[in-house]
């Protein structure tokens, strides 16, 4: 699995760390694992950390829209009272993340893209 998920109950935070190549097929399994964890609680903020990603599949505009649609579907299972931070270091991921942030305007959660971990955590907490 290219996504490692840690649920930090003390900080009301879920951190998904991408550690290898990453594609659209990696997203939903990570969400479902999070939702099925006994430590997960509705309302936990989420951080997707792409800094260690080795490479990525190329995402099309349609792929980014599908990720936004998947996120909207999971809202029904987890609620809307949370923030989603995307942490990136590479320009490619920054571009994909900003596209997702724009499509995410249709989802009733706060989404923001960061390049610095401390800034992402400050915003989430």
PDB file of N, CA and C in Angstrom:
ATOM      1  N   UNK A   1       0.849  -1.187   0.000  1.00  0.00           N
ATOM      2  CA  UNK A   1       0.000   0.000   0.000  1.00  0.00           C
ATOM      3  C   UNK A   1       0.881   1.233   0.000  1.00  0.00           C
ATOM      4  N   UNK A   2       0.532   2.183  -0.783  1.00  0.00           N
ATOM      5  CA  UNK A   2       1.348   3.388  -0.902  1.00  0.00           C
ATOM      6  C   UNK A   2       0.905   4.502   0.041  1.00  0.00           C
ATOM      7  N   UNK A   3      -0.129   4.249   0.845  1.00  0.00           N
ATOM      8  CA  UNK A   3      -0.614   5.250   1.791  1.00  0.00           C
ATOM      9  C   UNK A   3      -0.598   4.636   3.189  1.00  0.00           C
ATOM     10  N   UNK A   4       0.081   5.315   4.112  1.00  0.00           N
ATOM     11  CA  UNK A   4       0.097   4.906   5.513  1.00  0.00           C
ATOM     12  C   UNK A   4      -0.790   5.893   6.270  1.00  0.00           C
ATOM     13  N   UNK A   5      -1.738   5.364   7.026  1.00  0.00           N
ATOM     14  CA  UNK A   5      -2.679   6.208   7.755  1.00  0.00           C
ATOM     15  C   UNK A   5      -2.442   6.090   9.253  1.00  0.00           C
ATOM     16  N   UNK A   6      -2.347   7.240   9.915  1.00  0.00           N
ATOM     17  CA  UNK A   6      -2.217   7.305  11.369  1.00  0.00           C
ATOM     18  C   UNK A   6      -3.379   8.140  11.890  1.00  0.00           C
ATOM     19  N   UNK A   7      -4.076   7.601  12.877  1.00  0.00           N
ATOM     20  CA  UNK A   7      -5.181   8.334  13.500  1.00  0.00           C
ATOM     21  C   UNK A   7      -4.712   8.802  14.866  1.00  0.00           C
ATOM     22  N   UNK A   8      -4.590  10.104  15.010  1.00  0.00           N
ATOM     23  CA  UNK A   8      -4.111  10.752  16.224  1.00  0.00           C
ATOM     24  C   UNK A   8      -5.315  11.266  16.994  1.00  0.00           C
ATOM     25  N   UNK A   9      -5.824  10.446  17.902  1.00  0.00           N
ATOM     26  CA  UNK A   9      -7.045  10.816  18.630  1.00  0.00           C
ATOM     27  C   UNK A   9      -6.816  12.004  19.554  1.00  0.00           C
ATOM     28  N   UNK A  10      -5.604  12.147  20.089  1.00  0.00           N
ATOM     29  CA  UNK A  10      -5.319  13.266  20.997  1.00  0.00           C
ATOM     30  C   UNK A  10      -5.453  14.611  20.300  1.00  0.00           C
ATOM     31  N   UNK A  11      -5.117  14.660  19.013  1.00  0.00           N
ATOM     32  CA  UNK A  11      -5.179  15.910  18.253  1.00  0.00           C
ATOM     33  C   UNK A  11      -6.332  15.958  17.267  1.00  0.00           C
ATOM     34  N   UNK A  12      -7.229  14.967  17.342  1.00  0.00           N
ATOM     35  CA  UNK A  12      -8.399  14.929  16.469  1.00  0.00           C
ATOM     36  C   UNK A  12      -7.991  15.025  14.999  1.00  0.00           C
ATOM     37  N   UNK A  13      -7.002  14.198  14.630  1.00  0.00           N
ATOM     38  CA  UNK A  13      -6.374  14.331  13.324  1.00  0.00           C
ATOM     39  C   UNK A  13      -6.091  12.969  12.701  1.00  0.00           C
ATOM     40  N   UNK A  14      -6.349  12.876  11.404  1.00  0.00           N
ATOM     41  CA  UNK A  14      -5.968  11.717  10.603  1.00  0.00           C
ATOM     42  C   UNK A  14      -4.893  12.173   9.625  1.00  0.00           C
ATOM     43  N   UNK A  15      -3.771  11.447   9.597  1.00  0.00           N
ATOM     44  CA  UNK A  15      -2.696  11.776   8.671  1.00  0.00           C
ATOM     45  C   UNK A  15      -2.513  10.612   7.707  1.00  0.00           C
ATOM     46  N   UNK A  16      -2.723  10.894   6.425  1.00  0.00           N
ATOM     47  CA  UNK A  16      -2.452   9.936   5.355  1.00  0.00           C
ATOM     48  C   UNK A  16      -1.114  10.349   4.740  1.00  0.00           C
ATOM     49  N   UNK A  17      -0.118   9.480   4.829  1.00  0.00           N
ATOM     50  CA  UNK A  17       1.191   9.772   4.252  1.00  0.00           C
ATOM     51  C   UNK A  17       1.407   8.894   3.031  1.00  0.00           C
ATOM     52  N   UNK A  18       1.644   9.523   1.900  1.00  0.00           N
ATOM     53  CA  UNK A  18       1.908   8.805   0.659  1.00  0.00           C
ATOM     54  C   UNK A  18       3.406   8.526   0.624  1.00  0.00           C
ATOM     55  N   UNK A  19       3.780   7.230   0.561  1.00  0.00           N
ATOM     56  CA  UNK A  19       5.193   6.870   0.683  1.00  0.00           C
ATOM     57  C   UNK A  19       5.796   6.284  -0.585  1.00  0.00           C
ATOM     58  N   UNK A  20       4.988   6.065  -1.591  1.00  0.00           N
ATOM     59  CA  UNK A  20       5.475   5.514  -2.865  1.00  0.00           C
ATOM     60  C   UNK A  20       4.769   6.251  -3.980  1.00  0.00           C
ATOM     61  N   UNK A  21       4.689   5.604  -5.118  1.00  0.00           N
ATOM     62  CA  UNK A  21       3.898   6.156  -6.202  1.00  0.00           C
ATOM     63  C   UNK A  21       2.446   6.229  -5.782  1.00  0.00           C
ATOM     64  N   UNK A  22       1.706   7.092  -6.397  1.00  0.00           N
ATOM     65  CA  UNK A  22       0.340   7.356  -5.953  1.00  0.00           C
ATOM     66  C   UNK A  22      -0.546   7.571  -7.161  1.00  0.00           C
ATOM     67  N   UNK A  23      -1.700   6.932  -7.131  1.00  0.00           N
ATOM     68  CA  UNK A  23      -2.671   7.111  -8.203  1.00  0.00           C
ATOM     69  C   UNK A  23      -4.070   7.170  -7.635  1.00  0.00           C
ATOM     70  N   UNK A  24      -5.012   7.400  -8.481  1.00  0.00           N
ATOM     71  CA  UNK A  24      -6.404   7.543  -8.053  1.00  0.00           C
ATOM     72  C   UNK A  24      -6.911   6.292  -7.334  1.00  0.00           C
ATOM     73  N   UNK A  25      -6.401   5.129  -7.706  1.00  0.00           N
ATOM     74  CA  UNK A  25      -6.841   3.874  -7.089  1.00  0.00           C
ATOM     75  C   UNK A  25      -6.391   3.745  -5.634  1.00  0.00           C
ATOM     76  N   UNK A  26      -5.454   4.566  -5.184  1.00  0.00           N
ATOM     77  CA  UNK A  26      -4.961   4.495  -3.807  1.00  0.00           C
ATOM     78  C   UNK A  26      -5.810   5.279  -2.821  1.00  0.00           C
ATOM     79  N   UNK A  27      -6.668   6.140  -3.311  1.00  0.00           N
ATOM     80  CA  UNK A  27      -7.389   7.058  -2.431  1.00  0.00           C
ATOM     81  C   UNK A  27      -8.509   6.366  -1.661  1.00  0.00           C
ATOM     82  N   UNK A  28      -9.408   5.724  -2.376  1.00  0.00           N
ATOM     83  CA  UNK A  28     -10.572   5.142  -1.707  1.00  0.00           C
ATOM     84  C   UNK A  28     -10.204   4.076  -0.674  1.00  0.00           C
ATOM     85  N   UNK A  29      -9.245   3.178  -0.929  1.00  0.00           N
ATOM     86  CA  UNK A  29      -8.869   2.227   0.123  1.00  0.00           C
ATOM     87  C   UNK A  29      -8.386   2.913   1.408  1.00  0.00           C
ATOM     88  N   UNK A  30      -7.657   4.020   1.260  1.00  0.00           N
ATOM     89  CA  UNK A  30      -7.194   4.754   2.448  1.00  0.00           C
ATOM     90  C   UNK A  30      -8.379   5.337   3.202  1.00  0.00           C
ATOM     91  N   UNK A  31      -9.355   5.910   2.475  1.00  0.00           N
ATOM     92  CA  UNK A  31     -10.545   6.463   3.132  1.00  0.00           C
ATOM     93  C   UNK A  31     -11.332   5.370   3.850  1.00  0.00           C
ATOM     94  N   UNK A  32     -11.540   4.251   3.177  1.00  0.00           N
ATOM     95  CA  UNK A  32     -12.332   3.180   3.771  1.00  0.00           C
ATOM     96  C   UNK A  32     -11.655   2.596   4.999  1.00  0.00           C
ATOM     97  N   UNK A  33     -10.330   2.478   4.960  1.00  0.00           N
ATOM     98  CA  UNK A  33      -9.591   2.012   6.137  1.00  0.00           C
ATOM     99  C   UNK A  33      -9.752   2.992   7.295  1.00  0.00           C
ATOM    100  N   UNK A  34      -9.684   4.281   6.998  1.00  0.00           N
ATOM    101  CA  UNK A  34      -9.882   5.307   8.024  1.00  0.00           C
ATOM    102  C   UNK A  34     -11.274   5.195   8.626  1.00  0.00           C
ATOM    103  N   UNK A  35     -12.282   5.124   7.769  1.00  0.00           N
ATOM    104  CA  UNK A  35     -13.666   5.088   8.247  1.00  0.00           C
ATOM    105  C   UNK A  35     -13.970   3.846   9.062  1.00  0.00           C
ATOM    106  N   UNK A  36     -13.293   2.743   8.787  1.00  0.00           N
ATOM    107  CA  UNK A  36     -13.568   1.501   9.511  1.00  0.00           C
ATOM    108  C   UNK A  36     -12.738   1.354  10.784  1.00  0.00           C
ATOM    109  N   UNK A  37     -11.793   2.244  11.001  1.00  0.00           N
ATOM    110  CA  UNK A  37     -10.958   2.170  12.200  1.00  0.00           C
ATOM    111  C   UNK A  37     -11.773   2.525  13.445  1.00  0.00           C
ATOM    112  N   UNK A  38     -11.605   1.752  14.511  1.00  0.00           N
ATOM    113  CA  UNK A  38     -12.317   2.096  15.760  1.00  0.00           C
ATOM    114  C   UNK A  38     -11.845   3.402  16.381  1.00  0.00           C
ATOM    115  N   UNK A  39     -10.657   3.884  15.997  1.00  0.00           N
ATOM    116  CA  UNK A  39     -10.138   5.147  16.534  1.00  0.00           C
ATOM    117  C   UNK A  39     -10.694   6.365  15.805  1.00  0.00           C
ATOM    118  N   UNK A  40     -11.259   6.144  14.623  1.00  0.00           N
ATOM    119  CA  UNK A  40     -11.768   7.266  13.843  1.00  0.00           C
ATOM    120  C   UNK A  40     -13.080   7.781  14.432  1.00  0.00           C
ATOM    121  N   UNK A  41     -13.178   9.108  14.499  1.00  0.00           N
ATOM    122  CA  UNK A  41     -14.403   9.775  14.948  1.00  0.00           C
ATOM    123  C   UNK A  41     -14.786  10.827  13.914  1.00  0.00           C
ATOM    124  N   UNK A  42     -16.064  10.934  13.648  1.00  0.00           N
ATOM    125  CA  UNK A  42     -16.546  11.959  12.729  1.00  0.00           C
ATOM    126  C   UNK A  42     -16.084  13.321  13.220  1.00  0.00           C
ATOM    127  N   UNK A  43     -15.675  14.165  12.313  1.00  0.00           N
ATOM    128  CA  UNK A  43     -15.208  15.500  12.688  1.00  0.00           C
ATOM    129  C   UNK A  43     -13.696  15.617  12.805  1.00  0.00           C
ATOM    130  N   UNK A  44     -12.980  14.478  12.686  1.00  0.00           N
ATOM    131  CA  UNK A  44     -11.512  14.561  12.730  1.00  0.00           C
ATOM    132  C   UNK A  44     -11.004  15.270  11.483  1.00  0.00           C
ATOM    133  N   UNK A  45     -10.064  16.173  11.680  1.00  0.00           N
ATOM    134  CA  UNK A  45      -9.423  16.833  10.554  1.00  0.00           C
ATOM    135  C   UNK A  45      -8.499  15.848   9.846  1.00  0.00           C
ATOM    136  N   UNK A  46      -8.201  16.125   8.570  1.00  0.00           N
ATOM    137  CA  UNK A  46      -7.417  15.199   7.763  1.00  0.00           C
ATOM    138  C   UNK A  46      -6.269  15.932   7.078  1.00  0.00           C
ATOM    139  N   UNK A  47      -5.106  15.298   7.101  1.00  0.00           N
ATOM    140  CA  UNK A  47      -3.930  15.792   6.399  1.00  0.00           C
ATOM    141  C   UNK A  47      -3.459  14.703   5.443  1.00  0.00           C
ATOM    142  N   UNK A  48      -3.375  15.047   4.162  1.00  0.00           N
ATOM    143  CA  UNK A  48      -2.748  14.175   3.166  1.00  0.00           C
ATOM    144  C   UNK A  48      -1.352  14.730   2.939  1.00  0.00           C
ATOM    145  N   UNK A  49      -0.337  13.940   3.261  1.00  0.00           N
ATOM    146  CA  UNK A  49       1.061  14.359   3.155  1.00  0.00           C
ATOM    147  C   UNK A  49       1.694  13.675   1.939  1.00  0.00           C
ATOM    148  N   UNK A  50       1.982  14.457   0.903  1.00  0.00           N
ATOM    149  CA  UNK A  50       2.550  13.942  -0.334  1.00  0.00           C
ATOM    150  C   UNK A  50       4.062  14.177  -0.441  1.00  0.00           C
ATOM    151  N   UNK A  51       4.702  14.639   0.622  1.00  0.00           N
ATOM    152  CA  UNK A  51       6.118  15.002   0.529  1.00  0.00           C
ATOM    153  C   UNK A  51       7.041  13.826   0.243  1.00  0.00           C
ATOM    154  N   UNK A  52       6.667  12.610   0.649  1.00  0.00           N
ATOM    155  CA  UNK A  52       7.520  11.443   0.431  1.00  0.00           C
ATOM    156  C   UNK A  52       7.140  10.642  -0.807  1.00  0.00           C
ATOM    157  N   UNK A  53       6.174  11.107  -1.535  1.00  0.00           N
ATOM    158  CA  UNK A  53       5.727  10.385  -2.726  1.00  0.00           C
ATOM    159  C   UNK A  53       6.864  10.291  -3.730  1.00  0.00           C
ATOM    160  N   UNK A  54       7.101   9.094  -4.226  1.00  0.00           N
ATOM    161  CA  UNK A  54       8.203   8.864  -5.156  1.00  0.00           C
ATOM    162  C   UNK A  54       7.892   9.407  -6.547  1.00  0.00           C
ATOM    163  N   UNK A  55       6.706   9.161  -7.007  1.00  0.00           N
ATOM    164  CA  UNK A  55       6.255   9.653  -8.301  1.00  0.00           C
ATOM    165  C   UNK A  55       4.737   9.565  -8.289  1.00  0.00           C
ATOM    166  N   UNK A  56       4.124   9.960  -9.331  1.00  0.00           N
ATOM    167  CA  UNK A  56       2.677   9.908  -9.390  1.00  0.00           C
ATOM    168  C   UNK A  56       2.231   9.500 -10.775  1.00  0.00           C
ATOM    169  N   UNK A  57       1.071   8.886 -10.809  1.00  0.00           N
ATOM    170  CA  UNK A  57       0.418   8.741 -12.098  1.00  0.00           C
ATOM    171  C   UNK A  57       0.010  10.142 -12.523  1.00  0.00           C
ATOM    172  N   UNK A  58      -0.084  10.365 -13.787  1.00  0.00           N
ATOM    173  CA  UNK A  58      -0.572  11.657 -14.249  1.00  0.00           C
ATOM    174  C   UNK A  58      -2.076  11.704 -14.030  1.00  0.00           C
ATOM    175  N   UNK A  59      -2.535  12.744 -13.406  1.00  0.00           N
ATOM    176  CA  UNK A  59      -3.960  12.918 -13.165  1.00  0.00           C
ATOM    177  C   UNK A  59      -4.529  13.833 -14.237  1.00  0.00           C
ATOM    178  N   UNK A  60      -5.646  13.436 -14.776  1.00  0.00           N
ATOM    179  CA  UNK A  60      -6.346  14.302 -15.722  1.00  0.00           C
ATOM    180  C   UNK A  60      -7.311  15.188 -14.956  1.00  0.00           C
ATOM    181  N   UNK A  61      -7.843  16.161 -15.635  1.00  0.00           N
ATOM    182  CA  UNK A  61      -8.865  17.018 -15.057  1.00  0.00           C
ATOM    183  C   UNK A  61     -10.038  16.159 -14.564  1.00  0.00           C
ATOM    184  N   UNK A  62     -10.404  15.167 -15.350  1.00  0.00           N
ATOM    185  CA  UNK A  62     -11.500  14.257 -14.983  1.00  0.00           C
ATOM    186  C   UNK A  62     -11.164  13.470 -13.719  1.00  0.00           C
ATOM    187  N   UNK A  63      -9.895  13.037 -13.562  1.00  0.00           N
ATOM    188  CA  UNK A  63      -9.476  12.318 -12.351  1.00  0.00           C
ATOM    189  C   UNK A  63      -9.650  13.189 -11.110  1.00  0.00           C
ATOM    190  N   UNK A  64      -9.241  14.444 -11.221  1.00  0.00           N
ATOM    191  CA  UNK A  64      -9.361  15.356 -10.082  1.00  0.00           C
ATOM    192  C   UNK A  64     -10.838  15.562  -9.738  1.00  0.00           C
ATOM    193  N   UNK A  65     -11.681  15.687 -10.743  1.00  0.00           N
ATOM    194  CA  UNK A  65     -13.125  15.797 -10.498  1.00  0.00           C
ATOM    195  C   UNK A  65     -13.655  14.534  -9.827  1.00  0.00           C
ATOM    196  N   UNK A  66     -13.159  13.365 -10.231  1.00  0.00           N
ATOM    197  CA  UNK A  66     -13.603  12.101  -9.621  1.00  0.00           C
ATOM    198  C   UNK A  66     -13.172  12.025  -8.158  1.00  0.00           C
ATOM    199  N   UNK A  67     -11.982  12.508  -7.846  1.00  0.00           N
ATOM    200  CA  UNK A  67     -11.530  12.526  -6.452  1.00  0.00           C
ATOM    201  C   UNK A  67     -12.442  13.434  -5.629  1.00  0.00           C
ATOM    202  N   UNK A  68     -12.806  14.578  -6.170  1.00  0.00           N
ATOM    203  CA  UNK A  68     -13.743  15.472  -5.475  1.00  0.00           C
ATOM    204  C   UNK A  68     -15.093  14.784  -5.290  1.00  0.00           C
ATOM    205  N   UNK A  69     -15.546  14.053  -6.292  1.00  0.00           N
ATOM    206  CA  UNK A  69     -16.817  13.323  -6.179  1.00  0.00           C
ATOM    207  C   UNK A  69     -16.727  12.229  -5.123  1.00  0.00           C
ATOM    208  N   UNK A  70     -15.599  11.497  -5.081  1.00  0.00           N
ATOM    209  CA  UNK A  70     -15.409  10.472  -4.046  1.00  0.00           C
ATOM    210  C   UNK A  70     -15.438  11.115  -2.658  1.00  0.00           C
ATOM    211  N   UNK A  71     -14.786  12.257  -2.536  1.00  0.00           N
ATOM    212  CA  UNK A  71     -14.778  12.960  -1.250  1.00  0.00           C
ATOM    213  C   UNK A  71     -16.194  13.333  -0.846  1.00  0.00           C
ATOM    214  N   UNK A  72     -16.967  13.826  -1.778  1.00  0.00           N
ATOM    215  CA  UNK A  72     -18.359  14.191  -1.493  1.00  0.00           C
ATOM    216  C   UNK A  72     -19.165  12.975  -1.058  1.00  0.00           C
ATOM    217  N   UNK A  73     -18.934  11.825  -1.695  1.00  0.00           N
ATOM    218  CA  UNK A  73     -19.661  10.605  -1.299  1.00  0.00           C
ATOM    219  C   UNK A  73     -19.305  10.192   0.128  1.00  0.00           C
ATOM    220  N   UNK A  74     -18.051  10.356   0.501  1.00  0.00           N
ATOM    221  CA  UNK A  74     -17.637   9.956   1.846  1.00  0.00           C
ATOM    222  C   UNK A  74     -18.102  10.942   2.912  1.00  0.00           C
ATOM    223  N   UNK A  75     -18.474  12.131   2.495  1.00  0.00           N
ATOM    224  CA  UNK A  75     -19.025  13.117   3.435  1.00  0.00           C
ATOM    225  C   UNK A  75     -20.248  12.528   4.125  1.00  0.00           C
ATOM    226  N   UNK A  76     -21.032  11.772   3.396  1.00  0.00           N
ATOM    227  CA  UNK A  76     -22.241  11.165   3.961  1.00  0.00           C
ATOM    228  C   UNK A  76     -21.896  10.200   5.090  1.00  0.00           C
ATOM    229  N   UNK A  77     -20.720   9.585   5.033  1.00  0.00           N
ATOM    230  CA  UNK A  77     -20.307   8.631   6.055  1.00  0.00           C
ATOM    231  C   UNK A  77     -19.592   9.284   7.229  1.00  0.00           C
ATOM    232  N   UNK A  78     -18.974  10.436   7.007  1.00  0.00           N
ATOM    233  CA  UNK A  78     -18.133  11.007   8.056  1.00  0.00           C
ATOM    234  C   UNK A  78     -18.544  12.383   8.517  1.00  0.00           C
ATOM    235  N   UNK A  79     -19.482  13.033   7.862  1.00  0.00           N
ATOM    236  CA  UNK A  79     -19.907  14.358   8.278  1.00  0.00           C
ATOM    237  C   UNK A  79     -19.113  15.453   7.581  1.00  0.00           C
ATOM    238  N   UNK A  80     -19.512  16.702   7.813  1.00  0.00           N
ATOM    239  CA  UNK A  80     -18.901  17.840   7.121  1.00  0.00           C
ATOM    240  C   UNK A  80     -18.101  18.751   8.039  1.00  0.00           C
ATOM    241  N   UNK A  81     -18.071  18.462   9.302  1.00  0.00           N
ATOM    242  CA  UNK A  81     -17.431  19.362  10.257  1.00  0.00           C
ATOM    243  C   UNK A  81     -15.950  19.028  10.426  1.00  0.00           C
ATOM    244  N   UNK A  82     -15.171  19.219   9.338  1.00  0.00           N
ATOM    245  CA  UNK A  82     -13.740  18.983   9.426  1.00  0.00           C
ATOM    246  C   UNK A  82     -13.009  19.765   8.343  1.00  0.00           C
ATOM    247  N   UNK A  83     -11.680  19.837   8.516  1.00  0.00           N
ATOM    248  CA  UNK A  83     -10.816  20.489   7.539  1.00  0.00           C
ATOM    249  C   UNK A  83      -9.947  19.431   6.871  1.00  0.00           C
ATOM    250  N   UNK A  84      -9.589  19.708   5.626  1.00  0.00           N
ATOM    251  CA  UNK A  84      -8.730  18.826   4.851  1.00  0.00           C
ATOM    252  C   UNK A  84      -7.536  19.627   4.355  1.00  0.00           C
ATOM    253  N   UNK A  85      -6.333  19.230   4.796  1.00  0.00           N
ATOM    254  CA  UNK A  85      -5.106  19.884   4.354  1.00  0.00           C
ATOM    255  C   UNK A  85      -4.346  18.946   3.432  1.00  0.00           C
ATOM    256  N   UNK A  86      -3.792  19.506   2.373  1.00  0.00           N
ATOM    257  CA  UNK A  86      -2.952  18.772   1.437  1.00  0.00           C
ATOM    258  C   UNK A  86      -1.553  19.352   1.543  1.00  0.00           C
ATOM    259  N   UNK A  87      -0.583  18.524   1.915  1.00  0.00           N
ATOM    260  CA  UNK A  87       0.789  18.979   2.128  1.00  0.00           C
ATOM    261  C   UNK A  87       1.670  18.446   1.003  1.00  0.00           C
ATOM    262  N   UNK A  88       2.291  19.355   0.270  1.00  0.00           N
ATOM    263  CA  UNK A  88       3.075  18.972  -0.906  1.00  0.00           C
ATOM    264  C   UNK A  88       4.418  19.684  -0.893  1.00  0.00           C
ATOM    265  N   UNK A  89       5.381  19.087  -1.579  1.00  0.00           N
ATOM    266  CA  UNK A  89       6.665  19.761  -1.768  1.00  0.00           C
ATOM    267  C   UNK A  89       6.969  19.942  -3.252  1.00  0.00           C
ATOM    268  N   UNK A  90       6.435  19.078  -4.078  1.00  0.00           N
ATOM    269  CA  UNK A  90       6.714  19.141  -5.520  1.00  0.00           C
ATOM    270  C   UNK A  90       5.655  19.970  -6.233  1.00  0.00           C
ATOM    271  N   UNK A  91       6.088  20.690  -7.253  1.00  0.00           N
ATOM    272  CA  UNK A  91       5.173  21.537  -8.018  1.00  0.00           C
ATOM    273  C   UNK A  91       4.049  20.743  -8.663  1.00  0.00           C
ATOM    274  N   UNK A  92       4.337  19.516  -9.119  1.00  0.00           N
ATOM    275  CA  UNK A  92       3.313  18.692  -9.753  1.00  0.00           C
ATOM    276  C   UNK A  92       2.164  18.425  -8.790  1.00  0.00           C
ATOM    277  N   UNK A  93       2.491  18.003  -7.569  1.00  0.00           N
ATOM    278  CA  UNK A  93       1.444  17.758  -6.576  1.00  0.00           C
ATOM    279  C   UNK A  93       0.745  19.051  -6.174  1.00  0.00           C
ATOM    280  N   UNK A  94       1.491  20.139  -6.133  1.00  0.00           N
ATOM    281  CA  UNK A  94       0.874  21.422  -5.801  1.00  0.00           C
ATOM    282  C   UNK A  94      -0.204  21.765  -6.823  1.00  0.00           C
ATOM    283  N   UNK A  95       0.106  21.585  -8.090  1.00  0.00           N
ATOM    284  CA  UNK A  95      -0.873  21.863  -9.149  1.00  0.00           C
ATOM    285  C   UNK A  95      -2.106  20.974  -9.035  1.00  0.00           C
ATOM    286  N   UNK A  96      -1.895  19.665  -8.844  1.00  0.00           N
ATOM    287  CA  UNK A  96      -3.027  18.752  -8.678  1.00  0.00           C
ATOM    288  C   UNK A  96      -3.856  19.137  -7.453  1.00  0.00           C
ATOM    289  N   UNK A  97      -3.166  19.472  -6.375  1.00  0.00           N
ATOM    290  CA  UNK A  97      -3.860  19.810  -5.125  1.00  0.00           C
ATOM    291  C   UNK A  97      -4.669  21.093  -5.255  1.00  0.00           C
ATOM    292  N   UNK A  98      -4.116  22.083  -5.947  1.00  0.00           N
ATOM    293  CA  UNK A  98      -4.863  23.328  -6.158  1.00  0.00           C
ATOM    294  C   UNK A  98      -6.102  23.080  -7.028  1.00  0.00           C
ATOM    295  N   UNK A  99      -5.979  22.184  -8.014  1.00  0.00           N
ATOM    296  CA  UNK A  99      -7.152  21.823  -8.816  1.00  0.00           C
ATOM    297  C   UNK A  99      -8.213  21.178  -7.928  1.00  0.00           C
ATOM    298  N   UNK A 100      -7.785  20.258  -7.056  1.00  0.00           N
ATOM    299  CA  UNK A 100      -8.723  19.609  -6.147  1.00  0.00           C
ATOM    300  C   UNK A 100      -9.361  20.637  -5.217  1.00  0.00           C
ATOM    301  N   UNK A 101      -8.554  21.554  -4.710  1.00  0.00           N
ATOM    302  CA  UNK A 101      -9.069  22.609  -3.838  1.00  0.00           C
ATOM    303  C   UNK A 101     -10.170  23.392  -4.556  1.00  0.00           C
ATOM    304  N   UNK A 102      -9.967  23.697  -5.829  1.00  0.00           N
ATOM    305  CA  UNK A 102     -10.970  24.434  -6.609  1.00  0.00           C
ATOM    306  C   UNK A 102     -12.240  23.599  -6.790  1.00  0.00           C
ATOM    307  N   UNK A 103     -12.097  22.332  -7.164  1.00  0.00           N
ATOM    308  CA  UNK A 103     -13.278  21.467  -7.302  1.00  0.00           C
ATOM    309  C   UNK A 103     -13.935  21.224  -5.951  1.00  0.00           C
ATOM    310  N   UNK A 104     -13.140  21.265  -4.900  1.00  0.00           N
ATOM    311  CA  UNK A 104     -13.661  21.043  -3.556  1.00  0.00           C
ATOM    312  C   UNK A 104     -14.565  22.153  -3.058  1.00  0.00           C
ATOM    313  N   UNK A 105     -14.610  23.275  -3.765  1.00  0.00           N
ATOM    314  CA  UNK A 105     -15.526  24.351  -3.367  1.00  0.00           C
ATOM    315  C   UNK A 105     -16.972  23.878  -3.363  1.00  0.00           C
ATOM    316  N   UNK A 106     -17.259  22.789  -4.076  1.00  0.00           N
ATOM    317  CA  UNK A 106     -18.613  22.229  -4.114  1.00  0.00           C
ATOM    318  C   UNK A 106     -18.878  21.290  -2.941  1.00  0.00           C
ATOM    319  N   UNK A 107     -17.844  21.000  -2.153  1.00  0.00           N
ATOM    320  CA  UNK A 107     -17.959  20.093  -1.014  1.00  0.00           C
ATOM    321  C   UNK A 107     -18.008  20.946   0.252  1.00  0.00           C
ATOM    322  N   UNK A 108     -18.920  20.644   1.175  1.00  0.00           N
ATOM    323  CA  UNK A 108     -19.059  21.506   2.362  1.00  0.00           C
ATOM    324  C   UNK A 108     -18.010  21.260   3.448  1.00  0.00           C
ATOM    325  N   UNK A 109     -16.726  21.274   3.052  1.00  0.00           N
ATOM    326  CA  UNK A 109     -15.620  21.203   4.000  1.00  0.00           C
ATOM    327  C   UNK A 109     -14.587  22.245   3.587  1.00  0.00           C
ATOM    328  N   UNK A 110     -13.694  22.563   4.519  1.00  0.00           N
ATOM    329  CA  UNK A 110     -12.608  23.489   4.212  1.00  0.00           C
ATOM    330  C   UNK A 110     -11.419  22.697   3.681  1.00  0.00           C
ATOM    331  N   UNK A 111     -10.875  23.123   2.548  1.00  0.00           N
ATOM    332  CA  UNK A 111      -9.729  22.465   1.932  1.00  0.00           C
ATOM    333  C   UNK A 111      -8.663  23.522   1.662  1.00  0.00           C
ATOM    334  N   UNK A 112      -7.413  23.177   2.011  1.00  0.00           N
ATOM    335  CA  UNK A 112      -6.331  24.115   1.746  1.00  0.00           C
ATOM    336  C   UNK A 112      -5.053  23.343   1.427  1.00  0.00           C
ATOM    337  N   UNK A 113      -4.220  23.911   0.570  1.00  0.00           N
ATOM    338  CA  UNK A 113      -2.956  23.305   0.160  1.00  0.00           C
ATOM    339  C   UNK A 113      -1.809  24.029   0.853  1.00  0.00           C
ATOM    340  N   UNK A 114      -0.847  23.246   1.353  1.00  0.00           N
ATOM    341  CA  UNK A 114       0.313  23.791   2.061  1.00  0.00           C
ATOM    342  C   UNK A 114       1.592  23.180   1.522  1.00  0.00           C
ATOM    343  N   UNK A 115       2.699  23.899   1.744  1.00  0.00           N
ATOM    344  CA  UNK A 115       4.029  23.381   1.436  1.00  0.00           C
ATOM    345  C   UNK A 115       4.851  23.166   2.702  1.00  0.00           C
ATOM    346  N   UNK A 116       4.375  23.648   3.849  1.00  0.00           N
ATOM    347  CA  UNK A 116       5.114  23.566   5.112  1.00  0.00           C
ATOM    348  C   UNK A 116       4.237  22.863   6.154  1.00  0.00           C
ATOM    349  N   UNK A 117       4.778  21.800   6.770  1.00  0.00           N
ATOM    350  CA  UNK A 117       4.009  21.005   7.729  1.00  0.00           C
ATOM    351  C   UNK A 117       3.476  21.852   8.881  1.00  0.00           C
ATOM    352  N   UNK A 118       4.314  22.699   9.482  1.00  0.00           N
ATOM    353  CA  UNK A 118       3.868  23.498  10.626  1.00  0.00           C
ATOM    354  C   UNK A 118       2.670  24.386  10.260  1.00  0.00           C
ATOM    355  N   UNK A 119       2.689  24.937   9.068  1.00  0.00           N
ATOM    356  CA  UNK A 119       1.552  25.773   8.639  1.00  0.00           C
ATOM    357  C   UNK A 119       0.286  24.939   8.470  1.00  0.00           C
ATOM    358  N   UNK A 120       0.432  23.752   7.918  1.00  0.00           N
ATOM    359  CA  UNK A 120      -0.727  22.855   7.755  1.00  0.00           C
ATOM    360  C   UNK A 120      -1.295  22.471   9.112  1.00  0.00           C
ATOM    361  N   UNK A 121      -0.420  22.092  10.048  1.00  0.00           N
ATOM    362  CA  UNK A 121      -0.895  21.691  11.375  1.00  0.00           C
ATOM    363  C   UNK A 121      -1.514  22.849  12.124  1.00  0.00           C
ATOM    364  N   UNK A 122      -0.922  24.039  12.022  1.00  0.00           N
ATOM    365  CA  UNK A 122      -1.504  25.221  12.670  1.00  0.00           C
ATOM    366  C   UNK A 122      -2.922  25.463  12.144  1.00  0.00           C
ATOM    367  N   UNK A 123      -3.101  25.345  10.842  1.00  0.00           N
ATOM    368  CA  UNK A 123      -4.416  25.571  10.239  1.00  0.00           C
ATOM    369  C   UNK A 123      -5.415  24.506  10.670  1.00  0.00           C
ATOM    370  N   UNK A 124      -4.968  23.257  10.742  1.00  0.00           N
ATOM    371  CA  UNK A 124      -5.862  22.163  11.118  1.00  0.00           C
ATOM    372  C   UNK A 124      -6.272  22.221  12.589  1.00  0.00           C
ATOM    373  N   UNK A 125      -5.388  22.740  13.424  1.00  0.00           N
ATOM    374  CA  UNK A 125      -5.661  22.708  14.859  1.00  0.00           C
ATOM    375  C   UNK A 125      -6.109  24.064  15.326  1.00  0.00           C
TER     376      UNK A 125
END
